[in-house]
Each structure stands twice: as structure tokens, then as C-alpha cells.
N, C-alpha and C. Protein backbone atom coordinates (compact mmCIF):
# COMPACT_ATOMS: atom_id res chain seq x y z
N UNK A 1 -21.00 -33.60 15.92
CA UNK A 1 -20.04 -33.04 16.85
C UNK A 1 -20.52 -33.30 18.28
N UNK A 2 -19.66 -33.86 19.08
CA UNK A 2 -19.99 -34.18 20.46
C UNK A 2 -19.78 -32.95 21.35
N UNK A 3 -20.74 -32.70 22.24
CA UNK A 3 -20.58 -31.60 23.18
C UNK A 3 -19.57 -31.98 24.26
N UNK A 4 -18.74 -31.03 24.61
CA UNK A 4 -17.74 -31.24 25.66
C UNK A 4 -17.84 -30.08 26.65
N UNK A 5 -17.26 -30.23 27.83
CA UNK A 5 -17.27 -29.11 28.77
C UNK A 5 -16.68 -27.83 28.18
N UNK A 6 -15.58 -27.94 27.44
CA UNK A 6 -14.97 -26.72 26.88
C UNK A 6 -15.86 -26.06 25.84
N UNK A 7 -16.54 -26.85 25.01
CA UNK A 7 -17.46 -26.27 24.02
C UNK A 7 -18.66 -25.62 24.71
N UNK A 8 -19.17 -26.27 25.74
CA UNK A 8 -20.31 -25.69 26.46
C UNK A 8 -19.90 -24.42 27.21
N UNK A 9 -18.69 -24.39 27.76
CA UNK A 9 -18.24 -23.20 28.48
C UNK A 9 -17.98 -22.04 27.51
N UNK A 10 -17.53 -22.34 26.31
CA UNK A 10 -17.39 -21.29 25.28
C UNK A 10 -18.76 -20.75 24.88
N UNK A 11 -19.72 -21.67 24.75
CA UNK A 11 -21.10 -21.28 24.46
C UNK A 11 -21.62 -20.34 25.55
N UNK A 12 -21.33 -20.67 26.81
CA UNK A 12 -21.75 -19.81 27.93
C UNK A 12 -21.19 -18.41 27.78
N UNK A 13 -19.91 -18.32 27.50
CA UNK A 13 -19.26 -17.02 27.40
C UNK A 13 -19.89 -16.17 26.30
N UNK A 14 -20.24 -16.80 25.18
CA UNK A 14 -20.77 -16.06 24.03
C UNK A 14 -22.27 -15.81 24.11
N UNK A 15 -23.05 -16.79 24.60
CA UNK A 15 -24.50 -16.69 24.54
C UNK A 15 -25.17 -16.44 25.89
N UNK A 16 -24.51 -16.77 26.98
CA UNK A 16 -25.05 -16.55 28.33
C UNK A 16 -23.98 -15.90 29.21
N UNK A 17 -23.56 -14.69 28.85
CA UNK A 17 -22.42 -14.09 29.56
C UNK A 17 -22.67 -13.86 31.06
N UNK A 18 -23.91 -13.66 31.48
CA UNK A 18 -24.13 -13.45 32.91
C UNK A 18 -23.80 -14.72 33.70
N UNK A 19 -24.14 -15.87 33.17
CA UNK A 19 -23.79 -17.14 33.83
C UNK A 19 -22.27 -17.31 33.84
N UNK A 20 -21.62 -17.00 32.73
CA UNK A 20 -20.18 -17.15 32.65
C UNK A 20 -19.48 -16.21 33.63
N UNK A 21 -19.93 -14.94 33.69
CA UNK A 21 -19.32 -13.98 34.62
C UNK A 21 -19.51 -14.38 36.08
N UNK A 22 -20.62 -15.05 36.38
CA UNK A 22 -20.88 -15.50 37.76
C UNK A 22 -20.10 -16.76 38.11
N UNK A 23 -19.39 -17.33 37.15
CA UNK A 23 -18.53 -18.48 37.43
C UNK A 23 -19.15 -19.83 37.16
N UNK A 24 -20.28 -19.88 36.49
CA UNK A 24 -20.93 -21.16 36.17
C UNK A 24 -20.10 -21.85 35.09
N UNK A 25 -19.70 -23.13 35.35
CA UNK A 25 -18.88 -23.87 34.39
C UNK A 25 -19.30 -25.34 34.36
N UNK A 26 -19.36 -25.88 33.15
CA UNK A 26 -19.61 -27.31 32.97
C UNK A 26 -18.32 -28.05 33.30
N UNK A 27 -18.44 -29.05 34.17
CA UNK A 27 -17.27 -29.84 34.58
C UNK A 27 -17.22 -31.20 33.89
N UNK A 28 -18.41 -31.77 33.61
CA UNK A 28 -18.47 -33.12 33.04
C UNK A 28 -19.82 -33.30 32.35
N UNK A 29 -19.80 -33.99 31.20
CA UNK A 29 -21.04 -34.36 30.53
C UNK A 29 -20.83 -35.68 29.80
N UNK A 30 -21.84 -36.54 29.89
CA UNK A 30 -21.86 -37.76 29.08
C UNK A 30 -23.31 -38.00 28.68
N UNK A 31 -23.64 -39.21 28.29
CA UNK A 31 -24.99 -39.50 27.80
C UNK A 31 -26.08 -39.37 28.86
N UNK A 32 -25.74 -39.62 30.10
CA UNK A 32 -26.78 -39.66 31.14
C UNK A 32 -26.62 -38.64 32.25
N UNK A 33 -25.45 -38.03 32.38
CA UNK A 33 -25.25 -37.10 33.48
C UNK A 33 -24.45 -35.88 33.07
N UNK A 34 -24.69 -34.80 33.82
CA UNK A 34 -23.95 -33.56 33.60
C UNK A 34 -23.69 -32.93 34.96
N UNK A 35 -22.45 -32.46 35.15
CA UNK A 35 -22.06 -31.79 36.39
C UNK A 35 -21.64 -30.37 36.04
N UNK A 36 -22.24 -29.41 36.75
CA UNK A 36 -21.92 -28.00 36.56
C UNK A 36 -21.47 -27.44 37.91
N UNK A 37 -20.36 -26.73 37.92
CA UNK A 37 -19.84 -26.16 39.15
C UNK A 37 -19.92 -24.65 39.16
N UNK A 38 -19.99 -24.12 40.37
CA UNK A 38 -19.96 -22.67 40.56
C UNK A 38 -19.41 -22.40 41.96
N UNK A 39 -18.58 -21.39 42.09
CA UNK A 39 -17.97 -21.05 43.37
C UNK A 39 -18.58 -19.75 43.89
N UNK A 40 -18.91 -19.75 45.18
CA UNK A 40 -19.42 -18.54 45.83
C UNK A 40 -18.31 -17.49 45.83
N UNK A 41 -18.63 -16.34 45.21
CA UNK A 41 -17.70 -15.22 45.13
C UNK A 41 -18.46 -13.92 45.33
N UNK A 42 -17.75 -12.83 45.35
CA UNK A 42 -18.37 -11.53 45.55
C UNK A 42 -19.42 -11.25 44.47
N UNK A 43 -19.13 -11.57 43.23
CA UNK A 43 -20.02 -11.21 42.12
C UNK A 43 -21.33 -12.01 42.12
N UNK A 44 -21.38 -13.14 42.80
CA UNK A 44 -22.60 -13.96 42.76
C UNK A 44 -23.25 -14.13 44.15
N UNK A 45 -22.89 -13.25 45.07
CA UNK A 45 -23.44 -13.39 46.42
C UNK A 45 -24.70 -12.57 46.62
N UNK A 46 -25.44 -12.95 47.65
CA UNK A 46 -26.61 -12.19 48.09
C UNK A 46 -26.23 -11.40 49.34
N UNK A 47 -27.13 -10.60 49.89
CA UNK A 47 -26.79 -9.81 51.09
C UNK A 47 -26.53 -10.65 52.34
N UNK A 48 -26.79 -11.95 52.28
CA UNK A 48 -26.63 -12.82 53.44
C UNK A 48 -25.34 -13.64 53.37
N UNK A 49 -24.43 -13.22 52.50
CA UNK A 49 -23.11 -13.83 52.34
C UNK A 49 -23.18 -15.29 51.91
N UNK A 50 -24.11 -15.58 51.03
CA UNK A 50 -24.16 -16.89 50.38
C UNK A 50 -24.48 -16.66 48.91
N UNK A 51 -24.51 -17.73 48.14
CA UNK A 51 -24.73 -17.60 46.71
C UNK A 51 -26.18 -17.23 46.41
N UNK A 52 -26.35 -16.24 45.55
CA UNK A 52 -27.67 -15.78 45.13
C UNK A 52 -28.42 -16.93 44.47
N UNK A 53 -29.71 -17.04 44.77
CA UNK A 53 -30.49 -18.18 44.28
C UNK A 53 -30.51 -18.26 42.75
N UNK A 54 -30.49 -17.13 42.07
CA UNK A 54 -30.55 -17.14 40.61
C UNK A 54 -29.28 -17.73 40.00
N UNK A 55 -28.15 -17.55 40.66
CA UNK A 55 -26.90 -18.15 40.18
C UNK A 55 -26.99 -19.66 40.33
N UNK A 56 -27.53 -20.12 41.45
CA UNK A 56 -27.73 -21.55 41.63
C UNK A 56 -28.68 -22.09 40.55
N UNK A 57 -29.72 -21.33 40.25
CA UNK A 57 -30.67 -21.75 39.22
C UNK A 57 -30.00 -21.85 37.85
N UNK A 58 -29.11 -20.89 37.53
CA UNK A 58 -28.41 -20.96 36.24
C UNK A 58 -27.57 -22.23 36.14
N UNK A 59 -26.86 -22.55 37.21
CA UNK A 59 -26.01 -23.75 37.20
C UNK A 59 -26.86 -25.01 37.12
N UNK A 60 -27.93 -25.05 37.90
CA UNK A 60 -28.80 -26.23 37.90
C UNK A 60 -29.48 -26.41 36.54
N UNK A 61 -29.98 -25.31 35.98
CA UNK A 61 -30.64 -25.41 34.66
C UNK A 61 -29.66 -25.89 33.60
N UNK A 62 -28.43 -25.39 33.66
CA UNK A 62 -27.43 -25.81 32.67
C UNK A 62 -27.14 -27.30 32.78
N UNK A 63 -27.14 -27.83 34.00
CA UNK A 63 -26.86 -29.27 34.15
C UNK A 63 -27.95 -30.12 33.50
N UNK A 64 -29.16 -29.61 33.43
CA UNK A 64 -30.24 -30.35 32.74
C UNK A 64 -30.26 -29.98 31.26
N UNK A 65 -30.17 -28.71 30.95
CA UNK A 65 -30.26 -28.24 29.57
C UNK A 65 -29.14 -28.73 28.68
N UNK A 66 -27.95 -28.89 29.23
CA UNK A 66 -26.83 -29.40 28.42
C UNK A 66 -27.12 -30.82 27.94
N UNK A 67 -27.78 -31.61 28.79
CA UNK A 67 -28.15 -32.96 28.38
C UNK A 67 -29.18 -32.94 27.26
N UNK A 68 -30.12 -31.99 27.35
CA UNK A 68 -31.13 -31.84 26.28
C UNK A 68 -30.44 -31.41 24.98
N UNK A 69 -29.58 -30.40 25.06
CA UNK A 69 -28.85 -29.93 23.89
C UNK A 69 -28.03 -31.06 23.25
N UNK A 70 -27.38 -31.85 24.10
CA UNK A 70 -26.54 -32.94 23.61
C UNK A 70 -27.36 -33.95 22.81
N UNK A 71 -28.51 -34.34 23.34
CA UNK A 71 -29.35 -35.33 22.65
C UNK A 71 -29.95 -34.76 21.35
N UNK A 72 -30.33 -33.49 21.38
CA UNK A 72 -30.86 -32.86 20.16
C UNK A 72 -29.78 -32.84 19.08
N UNK A 73 -28.57 -32.46 19.48
CA UNK A 73 -27.48 -32.41 18.52
C UNK A 73 -27.19 -33.80 17.94
N UNK A 74 -27.22 -34.82 18.77
CA UNK A 74 -26.99 -36.19 18.30
C UNK A 74 -28.07 -36.66 17.32
N UNK A 75 -29.29 -36.18 17.53
CA UNK A 75 -30.40 -36.61 16.66
C UNK A 75 -30.27 -36.06 15.24
N UNK A 76 -29.54 -34.96 15.08
CA UNK A 76 -29.38 -34.27 13.81
C UNK A 76 -30.72 -33.82 13.22
N UNK A 77 -31.70 -33.60 14.07
CA UNK A 77 -33.01 -33.11 13.67
C UNK A 77 -33.21 -31.71 14.23
N UNK A 78 -34.13 -30.97 13.65
CA UNK A 78 -34.46 -29.64 14.16
C UNK A 78 -35.53 -29.80 15.23
N UNK A 79 -35.13 -29.57 16.46
CA UNK A 79 -36.02 -29.73 17.61
C UNK A 79 -35.85 -28.52 18.52
N UNK A 80 -36.96 -27.92 18.92
CA UNK A 80 -36.89 -26.77 19.83
C UNK A 80 -36.95 -27.27 21.27
N UNK A 81 -36.37 -26.49 22.18
CA UNK A 81 -36.37 -26.83 23.60
C UNK A 81 -36.65 -25.57 24.40
N UNK A 82 -37.38 -25.74 25.50
CA UNK A 82 -37.74 -24.60 26.33
C UNK A 82 -38.11 -25.08 27.73
N UNK A 83 -37.71 -24.31 28.74
CA UNK A 83 -38.15 -24.61 30.10
C UNK A 83 -39.56 -24.08 30.27
N UNK A 84 -40.49 -24.94 30.70
CA UNK A 84 -41.88 -24.54 30.91
C UNK A 84 -42.09 -24.06 32.34
N UNK A 85 -41.48 -24.75 33.29
CA UNK A 85 -41.59 -24.34 34.69
C UNK A 85 -40.46 -24.97 35.49
N UNK A 86 -40.26 -24.45 36.68
CA UNK A 86 -39.25 -25.04 37.56
C UNK A 86 -39.67 -24.93 39.01
N UNK A 87 -39.07 -25.78 39.83
CA UNK A 87 -39.30 -25.80 41.27
C UNK A 87 -37.94 -25.90 41.94
N UNK A 88 -37.82 -25.31 43.12
CA UNK A 88 -36.56 -25.39 43.85
C UNK A 88 -36.81 -25.48 45.34
N UNK A 89 -35.93 -26.22 46.00
CA UNK A 89 -35.92 -26.31 47.46
C UNK A 89 -34.49 -26.02 47.91
N UNK A 90 -34.35 -25.06 48.82
CA UNK A 90 -33.04 -24.69 49.35
C UNK A 90 -32.93 -25.22 50.77
N UNK A 91 -31.90 -26.04 51.03
CA UNK A 91 -31.79 -26.70 52.32
C UNK A 91 -30.65 -26.18 53.18
N UNK A 92 -29.70 -25.45 52.59
CA UNK A 92 -28.55 -24.93 53.33
C UNK A 92 -27.97 -23.76 52.55
N UNK A 93 -27.32 -22.83 53.28
CA UNK A 93 -26.66 -21.71 52.60
C UNK A 93 -25.61 -22.25 51.64
N UNK A 94 -25.60 -21.72 50.44
CA UNK A 94 -24.64 -22.15 49.42
C UNK A 94 -23.40 -21.27 49.51
N UNK A 95 -22.33 -21.83 50.06
CA UNK A 95 -21.04 -21.14 50.14
C UNK A 95 -19.96 -22.10 49.66
N UNK A 96 -18.83 -21.56 49.26
CA UNK A 96 -17.76 -22.41 48.74
C UNK A 96 -18.10 -22.88 47.33
N UNK A 97 -17.57 -24.03 46.97
CA UNK A 97 -17.82 -24.61 45.65
C UNK A 97 -19.06 -25.50 45.71
N UNK A 98 -19.96 -25.29 44.75
CA UNK A 98 -21.18 -26.07 44.66
C UNK A 98 -21.18 -26.80 43.32
N UNK A 99 -21.52 -28.08 43.35
CA UNK A 99 -21.66 -28.86 42.12
C UNK A 99 -23.12 -29.25 41.97
N UNK A 100 -23.69 -28.92 40.81
CA UNK A 100 -25.05 -29.32 40.48
C UNK A 100 -24.97 -30.49 39.50
N UNK A 101 -25.60 -31.59 39.87
CA UNK A 101 -25.52 -32.80 39.07
C UNK A 101 -26.91 -33.25 38.66
N UNK A 102 -27.05 -33.58 37.38
CA UNK A 102 -28.28 -34.15 36.84
C UNK A 102 -27.94 -35.51 36.25
N UNK A 103 -28.75 -36.52 36.59
CA UNK A 103 -28.56 -37.88 36.10
C UNK A 103 -29.71 -38.32 35.17
N UNK A 104 -30.44 -37.37 34.62
CA UNK A 104 -31.68 -37.69 33.90
C UNK A 104 -31.56 -37.70 32.39
N UNK A 105 -30.38 -37.93 31.85
CA UNK A 105 -30.21 -37.94 30.40
C UNK A 105 -31.09 -38.95 29.68
N UNK A 106 -31.43 -40.05 30.34
CA UNK A 106 -32.27 -41.07 29.71
C UNK A 106 -33.68 -40.54 29.41
N UNK A 107 -34.14 -39.58 30.19
CA UNK A 107 -35.49 -39.03 29.96
C UNK A 107 -35.56 -38.25 28.65
N UNK A 108 -34.47 -37.63 28.28
CA UNK A 108 -34.43 -36.80 27.07
C UNK A 108 -34.61 -37.66 25.83
N UNK A 109 -33.90 -38.76 25.76
CA UNK A 109 -33.96 -39.63 24.59
C UNK A 109 -35.39 -40.09 24.31
N UNK A 110 -36.10 -40.47 25.37
CA UNK A 110 -37.47 -40.94 25.23
C UNK A 110 -38.38 -39.83 24.69
N UNK A 111 -38.25 -38.63 25.25
CA UNK A 111 -39.10 -37.51 24.82
C UNK A 111 -38.80 -37.10 23.38
N UNK A 112 -37.53 -37.09 23.01
CA UNK A 112 -37.18 -36.73 21.64
C UNK A 112 -37.74 -37.74 20.65
N UNK A 113 -37.66 -39.01 21.00
CA UNK A 113 -38.19 -40.03 20.11
C UNK A 113 -39.70 -39.86 19.92
N UNK A 114 -40.42 -39.55 21.02
CA UNK A 114 -41.87 -39.36 20.93
C UNK A 114 -42.22 -38.15 20.05
N UNK A 115 -41.50 -37.04 20.21
CA UNK A 115 -41.83 -35.87 19.39
C UNK A 115 -41.48 -36.10 17.92
N UNK A 116 -40.44 -36.85 17.65
CA UNK A 116 -40.09 -37.15 16.26
C UNK A 116 -41.10 -38.13 15.65
N UNK A 117 -41.63 -39.03 16.46
CA UNK A 117 -42.60 -40.01 15.97
C UNK A 117 -43.95 -39.38 15.64
N UNK A 118 -44.43 -38.49 16.53
CA UNK A 118 -45.79 -37.98 16.34
C UNK A 118 -45.86 -36.47 16.05
N UNK A 119 -44.75 -35.77 16.09
CA UNK A 119 -44.74 -34.34 15.77
C UNK A 119 -45.32 -33.44 16.85
N UNK A 120 -45.76 -34.02 17.95
CA UNK A 120 -46.34 -33.24 19.03
C UNK A 120 -45.27 -32.90 20.07
N UNK A 121 -45.47 -31.76 20.74
CA UNK A 121 -44.57 -31.38 21.81
C UNK A 121 -44.62 -32.37 22.96
N UNK A 122 -43.51 -32.54 23.62
CA UNK A 122 -43.41 -33.45 24.76
C UNK A 122 -42.84 -32.68 25.95
N UNK A 123 -43.29 -33.03 27.14
CA UNK A 123 -42.75 -32.42 28.36
C UNK A 123 -42.20 -33.52 29.27
N UNK A 124 -41.19 -33.16 30.02
CA UNK A 124 -40.59 -34.09 30.97
C UNK A 124 -39.83 -33.28 32.02
N UNK A 125 -39.75 -33.84 33.22
CA UNK A 125 -39.07 -33.20 34.35
C UNK A 125 -37.67 -33.77 34.51
N UNK A 126 -36.73 -32.88 34.82
CA UNK A 126 -35.35 -33.28 35.11
C UNK A 126 -34.95 -32.65 36.44
N UNK A 127 -34.16 -33.38 37.22
CA UNK A 127 -33.76 -32.90 38.54
C UNK A 127 -32.26 -32.67 38.60
N UNK A 128 -31.87 -31.59 39.29
CA UNK A 128 -30.47 -31.29 39.53
C UNK A 128 -30.28 -31.04 41.02
N UNK A 129 -29.27 -31.70 41.59
CA UNK A 129 -29.02 -31.59 43.02
C UNK A 129 -27.70 -30.85 43.24
N UNK A 130 -27.74 -29.82 44.08
CA UNK A 130 -26.55 -29.05 44.42
C UNK A 130 -25.93 -29.54 45.71
N UNK A 131 -24.64 -29.84 45.65
CA UNK A 131 -23.89 -30.37 46.79
C UNK A 131 -22.68 -29.47 47.03
N UNK A 132 -22.42 -29.14 48.31
CA UNK A 132 -21.26 -28.31 48.62
C UNK A 132 -20.00 -29.17 48.77
N UNK A 133 -18.88 -28.52 49.10
CA UNK A 133 -17.59 -29.22 49.21
C UNK A 133 -17.58 -30.29 50.31
N UNK A 134 -18.44 -30.13 51.30
CA UNK A 134 -18.51 -31.10 52.40
C UNK A 134 -19.45 -32.26 52.08
N UNK A 135 -20.01 -32.27 50.88
CA UNK A 135 -20.94 -33.33 50.49
C UNK A 135 -22.34 -33.12 51.02
N UNK A 136 -22.66 -31.91 51.44
CA UNK A 136 -23.97 -31.59 51.99
C UNK A 136 -24.85 -30.98 50.90
N UNK A 137 -26.07 -31.47 50.80
CA UNK A 137 -27.02 -30.94 49.82
C UNK A 137 -27.43 -29.52 50.21
N UNK A 138 -27.32 -28.58 49.24
CA UNK A 138 -27.72 -27.20 49.50
C UNK A 138 -29.00 -26.83 48.78
N UNK A 139 -29.30 -27.51 47.66
CA UNK A 139 -30.51 -27.18 46.90
C UNK A 139 -30.86 -28.31 45.94
N UNK A 140 -32.15 -28.41 45.65
CA UNK A 140 -32.64 -29.34 44.63
C UNK A 140 -33.53 -28.56 43.69
N UNK A 141 -33.21 -28.60 42.42
CA UNK A 141 -33.99 -27.91 41.39
C UNK A 141 -34.62 -28.95 40.49
N UNK A 142 -35.84 -28.68 40.06
CA UNK A 142 -36.50 -29.50 39.06
C UNK A 142 -36.96 -28.58 37.93
N UNK A 143 -36.71 -29.00 36.71
CA UNK A 143 -37.08 -28.22 35.53
C UNK A 143 -37.97 -29.06 34.64
N UNK A 144 -39.08 -28.47 34.20
CA UNK A 144 -39.93 -29.13 33.22
C UNK A 144 -39.52 -28.61 31.85
N UNK A 145 -38.96 -29.48 31.05
CA UNK A 145 -38.53 -29.15 29.70
C UNK A 145 -39.62 -29.53 28.70
N UNK A 146 -39.75 -28.72 27.66
CA UNK A 146 -40.62 -29.06 26.54
C UNK A 146 -39.74 -29.16 25.29
N UNK A 147 -40.01 -30.17 24.50
CA UNK A 147 -39.30 -30.34 23.23
C UNK A 147 -40.36 -30.56 22.14
N UNK A 148 -40.06 -30.04 20.96
CA UNK A 148 -40.98 -30.22 19.85
C UNK A 148 -40.20 -30.23 18.55
N UNK A 149 -40.51 -31.23 17.71
CA UNK A 149 -39.87 -31.31 16.39
C UNK A 149 -40.37 -30.16 15.53
N UNK A 150 -39.44 -29.48 14.88
CA UNK A 150 -39.82 -28.40 13.98
C UNK A 150 -40.19 -29.01 12.63
N UNK A 151 -41.26 -28.50 12.05
CA UNK A 151 -41.68 -29.03 10.75
C UNK A 151 -40.77 -28.46 9.66
N UNK A 152 -40.45 -29.31 8.68
CA UNK A 152 -39.59 -28.84 7.59
C UNK A 152 -40.32 -27.79 6.75
N UNK A 153 -39.59 -26.79 6.32
CA UNK A 153 -40.18 -25.74 5.49
C UNK A 153 -40.33 -26.25 4.08
N UNK A 154 -41.41 -25.84 3.45
CA UNK A 154 -41.69 -26.33 2.09
C UNK A 154 -41.35 -25.31 1.05
């Protein structure tokens, strides 16, 4: 089954309701890129009248994590995934509509193949860039993902 924006947004509503309530939505996903949008609203603002950093982090993480989920699902293998660490740089107040885009889908395929080949956990970094409606960068997030093939039960 191929992941689509509507399937991922349904997943958000059921499994990550705080992200869904804050307006985080997948707009586009393919083999190499994922775009997640979120609009600055009352429910996701900080005291400085811009989007709370954690809401930006949810959208950015989803843009990377959806690509990981997609590749795991395509592999039809049991593989665990987890964020090990993240870094963020905020360059402008996030107001209006923000799109977080990740183009690092190719990194996932390589890491999954390595963990399936040797059974050891693999780590890799993925980047998501947040751009406002004017095309101005507001934030850059980097997430270190870990993947590991689960051993079959005997």
C-alpha cells in the first residue's frame, strides 16, 4: 500500500492528535521528497505572535519521518525507526502558511538496505527547510534517524 497525503493525515488525526489539532498536514509525498504545511493560528502560536517552535518541529519531523515510513512500508520488512537527536535554526518569525520540505528520501533507502544486510542499526541525518508564503526561509531542522531490522521471532 502506497502512502498518500490523505492516509498520512488520517494517521495524524488518530495517532498524533496534537499535531493534527495544530494544523500540521502532509501536502505531498513521493520517493524522494515530502512537503508538510502548517498555518499560524491561535492554537499554535507563542506569546510573540508567531508559530510555537514545537509546532514547527512537528511539521519538520513529519516531512522527514513520512519518507522513512514510506520506505519501510515498501520494503515489507519489520524495521523500527526512531529520532535520536535533532538540531534547529530559526531565521525569521513563522507567521502565515509555512511549508516544510525534505528532499532526503534517497538517504533512507541506503540505510534500510544496510540494516537489512547486516542486522545492525543505522543512523542518518535528514534536513527539512521551512519556507513562508513569501518564499523566505524561517527555519531549518535536521533530524538524526535510527533504523534497525527487527529479528524474526522463533
